[in-house]
Every structure is written in C-alpha cells, then in structure tokens.
N, C-alpha and C. Protein backbone atom coordinates (compact mmCIF):
# COMPACT_ATOMS: atom_id res chain seq x y z
N MET A 1 0.86 -1.18 0.00
CA MET A 1 0.00 0.00 0.00
C MET A 1 0.90 1.23 0.00
N SER A 2 0.69 2.15 -0.92
CA SER A 2 1.49 3.37 -0.93
C SER A 2 0.80 4.41 -0.06
N ARG A 3 1.60 5.21 0.58
CA ARG A 3 1.08 6.25 1.46
C ARG A 3 1.25 7.59 0.77
N LEU A 4 0.24 8.42 0.87
CA LEU A 4 0.32 9.75 0.29
C LEU A 4 1.14 10.65 1.20
N ARG A 5 1.95 11.48 0.61
CA ARG A 5 2.70 12.46 1.39
C ARG A 5 1.77 13.63 1.69
N THR A 6 1.96 14.22 2.85
CA THR A 6 1.11 15.33 3.23
C THR A 6 1.95 16.56 3.51
N SER A 7 1.39 17.69 3.26
CA SER A 7 2.08 18.96 3.50
C SER A 7 1.99 19.33 4.97
N PRO A 8 2.87 20.22 5.41
CA PRO A 8 2.76 20.73 6.79
C PRO A 8 1.39 21.37 7.04
N ALA A 9 0.84 22.05 6.03
CA ALA A 9 -0.48 22.67 6.19
C ALA A 9 -1.56 21.62 6.42
N CYS A 10 -1.45 20.48 5.74
CA CYS A 10 -2.43 19.40 5.92
C CYS A 10 -2.28 18.77 7.30
N ARG A 11 -1.06 18.60 7.76
CA ARG A 11 -0.86 18.03 9.10
C ARG A 11 -1.41 18.97 10.16
N GLU A 12 -1.19 20.27 9.99
CA GLU A 12 -1.75 21.25 10.93
C GLU A 12 -3.27 21.23 10.87
N ALA A 13 -3.83 21.16 9.67
CA ALA A 13 -5.28 21.12 9.51
C ALA A 13 -5.86 19.88 10.19
N ALA A 14 -5.15 18.75 10.13
CA ALA A 14 -5.63 17.53 10.79
C ALA A 14 -5.70 17.74 12.30
N ARG A 15 -4.70 18.39 12.87
CA ARG A 15 -4.74 18.66 14.32
C ARG A 15 -5.88 19.60 14.66
N TRP A 16 -6.05 20.64 13.84
CA TRP A 16 -7.12 21.60 14.10
C TRP A 16 -8.49 20.97 13.88
N ALA A 17 -8.60 20.07 12.91
CA ALA A 17 -9.88 19.40 12.66
C ALA A 17 -10.27 18.55 13.87
N GLU A 18 -9.30 17.89 14.47
CA GLU A 18 -9.57 17.10 15.69
C GLU A 18 -10.09 18.02 16.79
N ALA A 19 -9.44 19.15 16.98
CA ALA A 19 -9.90 20.10 17.99
C ALA A 19 -11.30 20.63 17.64
N TYR A 20 -11.55 20.86 16.36
CA TYR A 20 -12.88 21.31 15.91
C TYR A 20 -13.94 20.28 16.27
N LEU A 21 -13.66 19.01 15.97
CA LEU A 21 -14.63 17.95 16.26
C LEU A 21 -14.86 17.80 17.76
N ASP A 22 -13.85 18.14 18.55
CA ASP A 22 -13.98 18.09 20.01
C ASP A 22 -14.63 19.35 20.58
N GLY A 23 -14.90 20.33 19.72
CA GLY A 23 -15.47 21.59 20.18
C GLY A 23 -14.44 22.46 20.89
N GLU A 24 -13.15 22.25 20.61
CA GLU A 24 -12.08 22.94 21.32
C GLU A 24 -11.20 23.80 20.42
N LEU A 25 -11.59 24.02 19.16
CA LEU A 25 -10.77 24.82 18.26
C LEU A 25 -10.97 26.30 18.59
N PRO A 26 -9.89 27.01 18.90
CA PRO A 26 -10.02 28.44 19.18
C PRO A 26 -10.58 29.19 17.96
N PRO A 27 -11.43 30.16 18.19
CA PRO A 27 -12.06 30.90 17.09
C PRO A 27 -11.07 31.49 16.10
N GLU A 28 -9.89 31.86 16.55
CA GLU A 28 -8.92 32.47 15.64
C GLU A 28 -8.41 31.49 14.58
N HIS A 29 -8.66 30.19 14.76
CA HIS A 29 -8.23 29.19 13.78
C HIS A 29 -9.35 28.76 12.83
N TRP A 30 -10.58 29.16 13.11
CA TRP A 30 -11.71 28.71 12.30
C TRP A 30 -11.56 29.08 10.83
N THR A 31 -11.23 30.33 10.55
CA THR A 31 -11.13 30.80 9.17
C THR A 31 -10.00 30.10 8.44
N VAL A 32 -8.87 29.94 9.11
CA VAL A 32 -7.72 29.27 8.48
C VAL A 32 -8.07 27.83 8.15
N LEU A 33 -8.71 27.13 9.08
CA LEU A 33 -9.11 25.75 8.83
C LEU A 33 -10.14 25.69 7.71
N ALA A 34 -11.13 26.56 7.74
CA ALA A 34 -12.16 26.57 6.69
C ALA A 34 -11.54 26.83 5.33
N ASP A 35 -10.59 27.77 5.25
CA ASP A 35 -9.93 28.06 3.98
C ASP A 35 -9.16 26.84 3.48
N HIS A 36 -8.45 26.16 4.39
CA HIS A 36 -7.70 24.97 3.98
C HIS A 36 -8.65 23.88 3.49
N LEU A 37 -9.73 23.65 4.21
CA LEU A 37 -10.67 22.60 3.82
C LEU A 37 -11.34 22.92 2.49
N HIS A 38 -11.53 24.20 2.21
CA HIS A 38 -12.10 24.61 0.92
C HIS A 38 -11.15 24.29 -0.24
N ARG A 39 -9.85 24.47 0.00
CA ARG A 39 -8.84 24.23 -1.04
C ARG A 39 -8.41 22.77 -1.14
N CYS A 40 -8.47 22.05 -0.03
CA CYS A 40 -7.91 20.68 0.02
C CYS A 40 -9.05 19.66 0.16
N VAL A 41 -9.41 19.06 -0.93
CA VAL A 41 -10.51 18.10 -0.94
C VAL A 41 -10.21 16.92 -0.03
N ASP A 42 -8.97 16.43 -0.03
CA ASP A 42 -8.62 15.28 0.81
C ASP A 42 -8.86 15.57 2.28
N CYS A 43 -8.41 16.72 2.75
CA CYS A 43 -8.61 17.06 4.17
C CYS A 43 -10.10 17.22 4.48
N GLY A 44 -10.84 17.83 3.56
CA GLY A 44 -12.27 17.98 3.77
C GLY A 44 -12.98 16.64 3.87
N MET A 45 -12.60 15.71 3.00
CA MET A 45 -13.22 14.38 3.04
C MET A 45 -12.84 13.64 4.32
N ARG A 46 -11.60 13.80 4.75
CA ARG A 46 -11.18 13.12 5.99
C ARG A 46 -11.92 13.68 7.20
N LEU A 47 -12.12 15.00 7.22
CA LEU A 47 -12.88 15.60 8.32
C LEU A 47 -14.31 15.09 8.31
N GLU A 48 -14.92 15.02 7.15
CA GLU A 48 -16.30 14.52 7.06
C GLU A 48 -16.38 13.07 7.52
N LEU A 49 -15.42 12.25 7.09
CA LEU A 49 -15.39 10.85 7.51
C LEU A 49 -15.22 10.74 9.02
N ALA A 50 -14.31 11.49 9.58
CA ALA A 50 -14.09 11.45 11.03
C ALA A 50 -15.34 11.89 11.77
N ALA A 51 -16.04 12.91 11.27
CA ALA A 51 -17.28 13.37 11.91
C ALA A 51 -18.35 12.28 11.85
N ARG A 52 -18.45 11.60 10.72
CA ARG A 52 -19.45 10.52 10.60
C ARG A 52 -19.11 9.35 11.52
N ILE A 53 -17.84 9.02 11.61
CA ILE A 53 -17.44 7.93 12.51
C ILE A 53 -17.77 8.30 13.95
N ARG A 54 -17.44 9.53 14.34
CA ARG A 54 -17.76 9.96 15.71
C ARG A 54 -19.25 9.89 15.98
N ALA A 55 -20.05 10.33 15.03
CA ALA A 55 -21.50 10.29 15.20
C ALA A 55 -21.99 8.85 15.34
N ALA A 56 -21.43 7.95 14.53
CA ALA A 56 -21.83 6.55 14.61
C ALA A 56 -21.42 5.94 15.95
N LEU A 57 -20.25 6.31 16.43
CA LEU A 57 -19.78 5.77 17.71
C LEU A 57 -20.57 6.34 18.89
N ALA A 58 -21.04 7.56 18.74
CA ALA A 58 -21.82 8.19 19.80
C ALA A 58 -23.21 7.59 19.92
N HIS A 59 -23.72 7.03 18.82
CA HIS A 59 -25.07 6.47 18.79
C HIS A 59 -25.05 5.10 18.12
N PRO A 60 -24.36 4.14 18.74
CA PRO A 60 -24.29 2.82 18.09
C PRO A 60 -25.66 2.16 18.04
N ARG A 61 -25.89 1.44 16.98
CA ARG A 61 -27.13 0.67 16.83
C ARG A 61 -26.89 -0.71 17.43
N ALA A 62 -27.96 -1.35 17.76
CA ALA A 62 -27.84 -2.72 18.24
C ALA A 62 -27.24 -3.55 17.12
N GLY A 63 -26.29 -4.37 17.46
CA GLY A 63 -25.63 -5.16 16.43
C GLY A 63 -25.58 -6.61 16.82
N GLY A 64 -24.98 -7.38 15.97
CA GLY A 64 -24.82 -8.79 16.23
C GLY A 64 -23.68 -9.05 17.20
N ALA A 65 -23.20 -10.27 17.20
CA ALA A 65 -22.16 -10.68 18.14
C ALA A 65 -20.86 -9.93 17.92
N ASP A 66 -20.60 -9.44 16.70
CA ASP A 66 -19.34 -8.76 16.44
C ASP A 66 -19.43 -7.25 16.64
N ALA A 67 -20.54 -6.72 17.12
CA ALA A 67 -20.71 -5.28 17.28
C ALA A 67 -19.65 -4.65 18.19
N PRO A 68 -19.32 -5.21 19.36
CA PRO A 68 -18.27 -4.59 20.19
C PRO A 68 -16.92 -4.52 19.47
N ASP A 69 -16.57 -5.58 18.75
CA ASP A 69 -15.31 -5.60 18.00
C ASP A 69 -15.33 -4.54 16.90
N THR A 70 -16.44 -4.41 16.22
CA THR A 70 -16.57 -3.41 15.16
C THR A 70 -16.42 -2.01 15.71
N LEU A 71 -17.07 -1.73 16.84
CA LEU A 71 -16.95 -0.41 17.46
C LEU A 71 -15.52 -0.12 17.86
N GLU A 72 -14.83 -1.09 18.42
CA GLU A 72 -13.44 -0.90 18.82
C GLU A 72 -12.56 -0.61 17.60
N ARG A 73 -12.79 -1.34 16.49
CA ARG A 73 -12.02 -1.09 15.27
C ARG A 73 -12.29 0.31 14.73
N LEU A 74 -13.55 0.76 14.78
CA LEU A 74 -13.89 2.10 14.33
C LEU A 74 -13.24 3.17 15.21
N ARG A 75 -13.24 2.95 16.51
CA ARG A 75 -12.59 3.90 17.41
C ARG A 75 -11.10 4.00 17.10
N ASP A 76 -10.47 2.85 16.91
CA ASP A 76 -9.05 2.82 16.58
C ASP A 76 -8.80 3.56 15.27
N PHE A 77 -9.63 3.32 14.28
CA PHE A 77 -9.51 3.99 12.98
C PHE A 77 -9.67 5.50 13.13
N ALA A 78 -10.64 5.94 13.92
CA ALA A 78 -10.85 7.38 14.12
C ALA A 78 -9.64 8.01 14.78
N HIS A 79 -9.04 7.33 15.75
CA HIS A 79 -7.84 7.85 16.40
C HIS A 79 -6.67 7.93 15.42
N ARG A 80 -6.53 6.91 14.57
CA ARG A 80 -5.45 6.94 13.57
C ARG A 80 -5.67 8.06 12.58
N LEU A 81 -6.91 8.32 12.19
CA LEU A 81 -7.21 9.44 11.30
C LEU A 81 -6.80 10.75 11.95
N ALA A 82 -7.14 10.88 13.22
CA ALA A 82 -6.86 12.12 13.93
C ALA A 82 -5.37 12.38 14.08
N ASP A 83 -4.58 11.33 14.29
CA ASP A 83 -3.15 11.55 14.49
C ASP A 83 -2.34 11.47 13.20
N GLY A 84 -3.04 11.25 12.08
CA GLY A 84 -2.36 11.28 10.79
C GLY A 84 -1.77 9.97 10.34
N SER A 85 -2.00 8.89 11.08
CA SER A 85 -1.42 7.61 10.70
C SER A 85 -2.44 6.66 10.10
N GLY A 86 -3.68 7.09 9.98
CA GLY A 86 -4.74 6.19 9.55
C GLY A 86 -4.90 6.06 8.07
N SER A 87 -5.53 4.98 7.71
CA SER A 87 -5.98 4.78 6.34
C SER A 87 -7.37 4.20 6.45
N ASP A 88 -8.08 4.23 5.35
CA ASP A 88 -9.44 3.71 5.42
C ASP A 88 -9.40 2.20 5.63
N PRO A 89 -10.51 1.60 6.09
CA PRO A 89 -10.50 0.17 6.37
C PRO A 89 -10.08 -0.67 5.17
N GLY A 90 -10.32 -0.17 3.96
CA GLY A 90 -9.91 -0.90 2.77
C GLY A 90 -8.46 -0.66 2.42
N GLY A 91 -7.81 0.28 3.11
CA GLY A 91 -6.40 0.55 2.91
C GLY A 91 -6.08 1.45 1.74
N SER A 92 -7.05 2.17 1.18
CA SER A 92 -6.77 2.96 -0.02
C SER A 92 -6.40 4.41 0.28
N ALA A 93 -6.77 4.91 1.43
CA ALA A 93 -6.49 6.33 1.71
C ALA A 93 -5.14 6.47 2.40
N GLY A 94 -4.55 7.61 2.22
CA GLY A 94 -3.29 7.91 2.87
C GLY A 94 -3.55 8.47 4.25
N PRO A 95 -2.48 8.89 4.92
CA PRO A 95 -2.64 9.44 6.27
C PRO A 95 -3.39 10.76 6.23
N VAL A 96 -4.02 11.08 7.33
CA VAL A 96 -4.72 12.36 7.44
C VAL A 96 -3.69 13.46 7.44
N GLY A 97 -4.03 14.55 6.89
CA GLY A 97 -3.11 15.64 7.00
C GLY A 97 -3.20 16.52 5.91
C-alpha cells in the first residue's frame, strides 16, 4: 500500500480538525481551517469521515455478536485518522493531514 505524502499545512489542519470535532478549536483558527478545507478536498473528506465515525460511535445501533469488536475497530480507525497515521479500512487512503 502506498502512502500519500502530506504537506505541513495538511498536518496542521488535521490537528485543528480534531480540535474542531472536540469543540475545542479556538475561534482564531476557524477561518484558516475553513480556507484549507475549501482548497484541500482530501482534508475535507477526511474531516467529514471522522465526523461521521464519531457520530456513529456516539449512537451505536444494536448489532450482532461482532458489534463490540466493530466499534473498537472504528474507534481505533478514528484515532489513527486524527493523528495522521490512519488509512481507510480498505487501505486505499493515505494518512490524514
């Protein structure tokens, strides 16, 4: 699997996106993050994916016998996305950033 290289701006945006999702991004960074996400489709898609994963983890549906394992894998994936080391479960995406 090849990994995509990321710019310093993308790595910074990934950190700020995590803070945004946590409700902890200082207002002075909002415009900079929004501008980066507008220009960088990859970062915007990663933020959207991370937000959807968080929403799914916050409101899990009743599942079968493998539901706890699935939730744990999703949590791990979300953390890897946030720290820039993640790839999608199919292995096609590069690190966040």
